[in-house]
Amino acid sequence: MTTIVWIAAALLLAAVYLSWTAGRLDRLHARIDAARAALDAQLLRRASVTQEVATAGVLDPAASIVLYQAAHDARQAEEDQREVAESELSQALRAVFAESAQLEAVRSAPGGEESVRELAAAVRRVPMARRFHNDAVRAARALRRHRTVRWFRLAGHAPFPLAFEMDDEPPAILADRTEPDREGH
């Protein structure tokens, strides 16, 4: 009789452990989904602000075309080309704003200071959002590599999480700007 009790206790403990691990994996997958949505929102915001700056008529025509086309391509990219298109937008931003004259042209236009603040905030938030997403992916991958997760198929049919790899280095001139708080201080 005691053997049956011990076997039942061991099975109960194993079931609790497997349930806890499956719940943890599910929470990690939900965290990946939320982080990806936040990353997508930041990428879209960066492309939108870039297009606004490009169409404002304050940059030289070549810079406007380069920025507008890169932002347009990033917004319209298919999922399998998204990382490349976003990297190209980062490169275009660095190329256009390598000289402070371009930034000064934007700043001197009506509403330009606000545009510069929005652009600086957008280019700084993308690396943070990407880092949060990739950290969640890394944690889920580590858990999915455990034997118990593989043997008992605790991941179910969820696709293996993929990191978002892109060039997200902001232009140096925009990365140094401090972002004021919501009250403008």
Protein backbone atom coordinates (compact mmCIF):
# COMPACT_ATOMS: atom_id res chain seq x y z
CA MET A 1 0.00 0.00 0.00
CA THR A 2 2.81 2.46 0.81
CA THR A 3 4.39 1.74 -2.58
CA ILE A 4 1.19 2.83 -4.31
CA VAL A 5 1.11 6.01 -2.22
CA TRP A 6 4.72 6.79 -3.13
CA ILE A 7 4.08 6.14 -6.82
CA ALA A 8 0.96 8.33 -6.73
CA ALA A 9 2.90 11.10 -4.97
CA ALA A 10 5.72 10.88 -7.52
CA LEU A 11 3.23 11.02 -10.41
CA LEU A 12 1.47 13.96 -8.81
CA LEU A 13 4.76 15.83 -8.38
CA ALA A 14 5.74 15.07 -11.98
CA ALA A 15 2.35 16.30 -13.22
CA VAL A 16 2.64 19.51 -11.16
CA TYR A 17 6.17 20.11 -12.50
CA LEU A 18 5.09 19.51 -16.11
CA SER A 19 2.06 21.74 -15.66
CA TRP A 20 4.17 24.51 -14.14
CA THR A 21 6.75 24.22 -16.96
CA ALA A 22 4.03 24.30 -19.63
CA GLY A 23 2.51 27.38 -17.97
CA ARG A 24 5.88 29.08 -17.84
CA LEU A 25 6.46 28.33 -21.52
CA ASP A 26 3.01 29.67 -22.36
CA ARG A 27 3.76 32.89 -20.46
CA LEU A 28 7.05 33.25 -22.32
CA HIS A 29 5.28 32.84 -25.65
CA ALA A 30 2.73 35.48 -24.60
CA ARG A 31 5.62 37.76 -23.61
CA ILE A 32 7.18 37.24 -27.06
CA ASP A 33 3.88 38.16 -28.72
CA ALA A 34 3.55 41.31 -26.63
CA ALA A 35 7.18 42.29 -27.21
CA ARG A 36 6.81 41.71 -30.95
CA ALA A 37 3.70 43.91 -31.03
CA ALA A 38 5.62 46.65 -29.18
CA LEU A 39 8.56 46.28 -31.58
CA ASP A 40 6.24 46.48 -34.59
CA ALA A 41 4.65 49.62 -33.14
CA GLN A 42 8.05 51.27 -32.61
CA LEU A 43 9.22 50.33 -36.10
CA LEU A 44 6.03 51.73 -37.61
CA ARG A 45 6.38 54.91 -35.54
CA ARG A 46 9.98 55.37 -36.69
CA ALA A 47 9.01 54.89 -40.34
CA SER A 48 6.03 57.26 -40.02
CA VAL A 49 8.05 60.03 -38.38
CA THR A 50 10.78 59.55 -40.96
CA GLN A 51 8.25 59.90 -43.78
CA GLU A 52 6.87 63.07 -42.18
CA VAL A 53 10.35 64.58 -42.00
CA ALA A 54 11.12 63.48 -45.56
CA THR A 55 7.96 65.09 -46.96
CA ALA A 56 8.20 68.32 -44.94
CA GLY A 57 10.24 69.99 -47.68
CA VAL A 58 13.07 71.07 -45.38
CA LEU A 59 15.71 68.52 -46.39
CA ASP A 60 17.56 68.63 -49.67
CA PRO A 61 15.72 66.69 -52.40
CA ALA A 62 18.14 63.75 -52.49
CA ALA A 63 17.95 63.25 -48.72
CA SER A 64 14.17 63.51 -48.83
CA ILE A 65 13.92 60.84 -51.52
CA VAL A 66 16.35 58.50 -49.75
CA LEU A 67 14.53 58.80 -46.42
CA TYR A 68 11.06 58.58 -47.91
CA GLN A 69 11.89 55.50 -50.00
CA ALA A 70 13.61 53.70 -47.11
CA ALA A 71 10.70 54.44 -44.75
CA HIS A 72 8.16 53.40 -47.39
CA ASP A 73 10.03 50.15 -48.06
CA ALA A 74 10.20 49.41 -44.31
CA ARG A 75 6.45 49.94 -43.92
CA GLN A 76 5.57 47.82 -46.97
CA ALA A 77 8.10 45.00 -46.51
CA GLU A 78 6.90 41.42 -46.39
CA GLU A 79 7.67 39.62 -43.13
CA ASP A 80 10.62 37.69 -44.59
CA GLN A 81 12.20 40.96 -45.84
CA ARG A 82 11.34 43.11 -42.85
CA GLU A 83 14.69 42.90 -41.07
CA VAL A 84 16.55 43.96 -44.22
CA ALA A 85 14.18 46.84 -44.94
CA GLU A 86 14.37 48.12 -41.35
CA SER A 87 18.17 47.89 -41.46
CA GLU A 88 18.18 49.91 -44.67
CA LEU A 89 16.03 52.57 -42.98
CA SER A 90 18.55 52.76 -40.13
CA GLN A 91 21.37 53.15 -42.64
CA ALA A 92 19.47 55.85 -44.54
CA LEU A 93 18.83 57.78 -41.32
CA ARG A 94 22.53 57.61 -40.40
CA ALA A 95 23.56 58.70 -43.92
CA VAL A 96 21.18 61.67 -44.06
CA PHE A 97 21.82 62.85 -40.52
CA ALA A 98 25.58 62.28 -40.61
CA GLU A 99 25.87 66.03 -41.08
CA SER A 100 24.34 68.35 -38.54
CA ALA A 101 23.23 70.68 -41.35
CA GLN A 102 20.36 68.34 -42.20
CA LEU A 103 19.20 68.27 -38.59
CA GLU A 104 19.46 72.06 -38.38
CA ALA A 105 17.34 72.35 -41.53
CA VAL A 106 14.60 70.28 -39.91
CA ARG A 107 14.90 72.14 -36.62
CA SER A 108 14.66 75.59 -38.25
CA ALA A 109 11.36 74.81 -40.02
CA PRO A 110 8.04 75.63 -38.32
CA GLY A 111 7.36 72.78 -35.90
CA GLY A 112 10.82 71.45 -36.60
CA GLU A 113 11.94 71.22 -33.00
CA GLU A 114 8.99 68.92 -32.27
CA SER A 115 9.78 66.86 -35.38
CA VAL A 116 13.39 66.44 -34.23
CA ARG A 117 12.21 65.37 -30.76
CA GLU A 118 9.79 62.82 -32.26
CA LEU A 119 12.42 61.44 -34.62
CA ALA A 120 15.03 61.20 -31.87
CA ALA A 121 12.58 59.40 -29.59
CA ALA A 122 11.54 57.03 -32.37
CA VAL A 123 15.08 56.03 -33.33
CA ARG A 124 16.06 55.49 -29.66
CA ARG A 125 13.04 53.33 -28.83
CA VAL A 126 13.56 50.81 -31.62
CA PRO A 127 16.74 49.26 -30.11
CA MET A 128 15.06 49.00 -26.71
CA ALA A 129 11.97 47.30 -28.15
CA ARG A 130 14.14 44.93 -30.17
CA ARG A 131 16.21 44.08 -27.11
CA PHE A 132 13.07 43.26 -25.05
CA HIS A 133 11.77 41.06 -27.87
CA ASN A 134 15.06 39.23 -28.34
CA ASP A 135 15.43 38.70 -24.58
CA ALA A 136 12.00 37.05 -24.47
CA VAL A 137 12.94 34.90 -27.48
CA ARG A 138 16.20 33.88 -25.80
CA ALA A 139 14.38 32.83 -22.61
CA ALA A 140 11.78 30.80 -24.52
CA ARG A 141 14.44 29.10 -26.61
CA ALA A 142 16.40 28.15 -23.50
CA LEU A 143 13.32 26.60 -21.89
CA ARG A 144 12.32 24.80 -25.09
CA ARG A 145 15.75 23.16 -25.25
CA HIS A 146 15.19 21.31 -21.95
CA ARG A 147 14.67 17.58 -22.36
CA THR A 148 11.40 17.47 -20.46
CA VAL A 149 9.90 20.16 -22.71
CA ARG A 150 10.96 18.22 -25.82
CA TRP A 151 10.03 14.74 -24.52
CA PHE A 152 6.55 15.74 -23.35
CA ARG A 153 6.05 18.20 -26.23
CA LEU A 154 5.11 20.98 -23.83
CA ALA A 155 5.54 23.62 -26.52
CA GLY A 156 2.65 22.10 -28.44
CA HIS A 157 2.47 23.40 -32.00
CA ALA A 158 3.89 26.84 -31.21
CA PRO A 159 6.52 27.85 -33.77
CA PHE A 160 10.10 28.05 -32.58
CA PRO A 161 10.65 31.71 -31.60
CA LEU A 162 12.93 33.74 -33.83
CA ALA A 163 14.92 36.81 -32.85
CA PHE A 164 14.54 40.02 -34.85
CA GLU A 165 17.99 40.84 -36.18
CA MET A 166 18.51 44.22 -37.76
CA ASP A 167 20.84 47.20 -37.81
CA ASP A 168 19.16 49.52 -35.32
CA GLU A 169 21.99 51.91 -34.53
CA PRO A 170 20.52 55.42 -34.50
CA PRO A 171 22.27 58.41 -36.06
CA ALA A 172 24.79 59.70 -33.52
CA ILE A 173 23.36 63.20 -33.65
CA LEU A 174 19.88 61.90 -32.68
CA ALA A 175 21.03 59.31 -30.17
CA ASP A 176 22.62 61.98 -27.96
CA ARG A 177 19.45 64.05 -27.58
CA THR A 178 17.69 63.75 -24.25
CA GLU A 179 13.96 63.18 -24.28
CA PRO A 180 11.96 65.56 -22.08
CA ASP A 181 9.28 64.16 -19.82
CA ARG A 182 5.61 64.38 -20.79
CA GLU A 183 5.26 67.86 -19.29
CA GLY A 184 8.07 69.21 -21.49
CA HIS A 185 10.69 69.63 -18.75
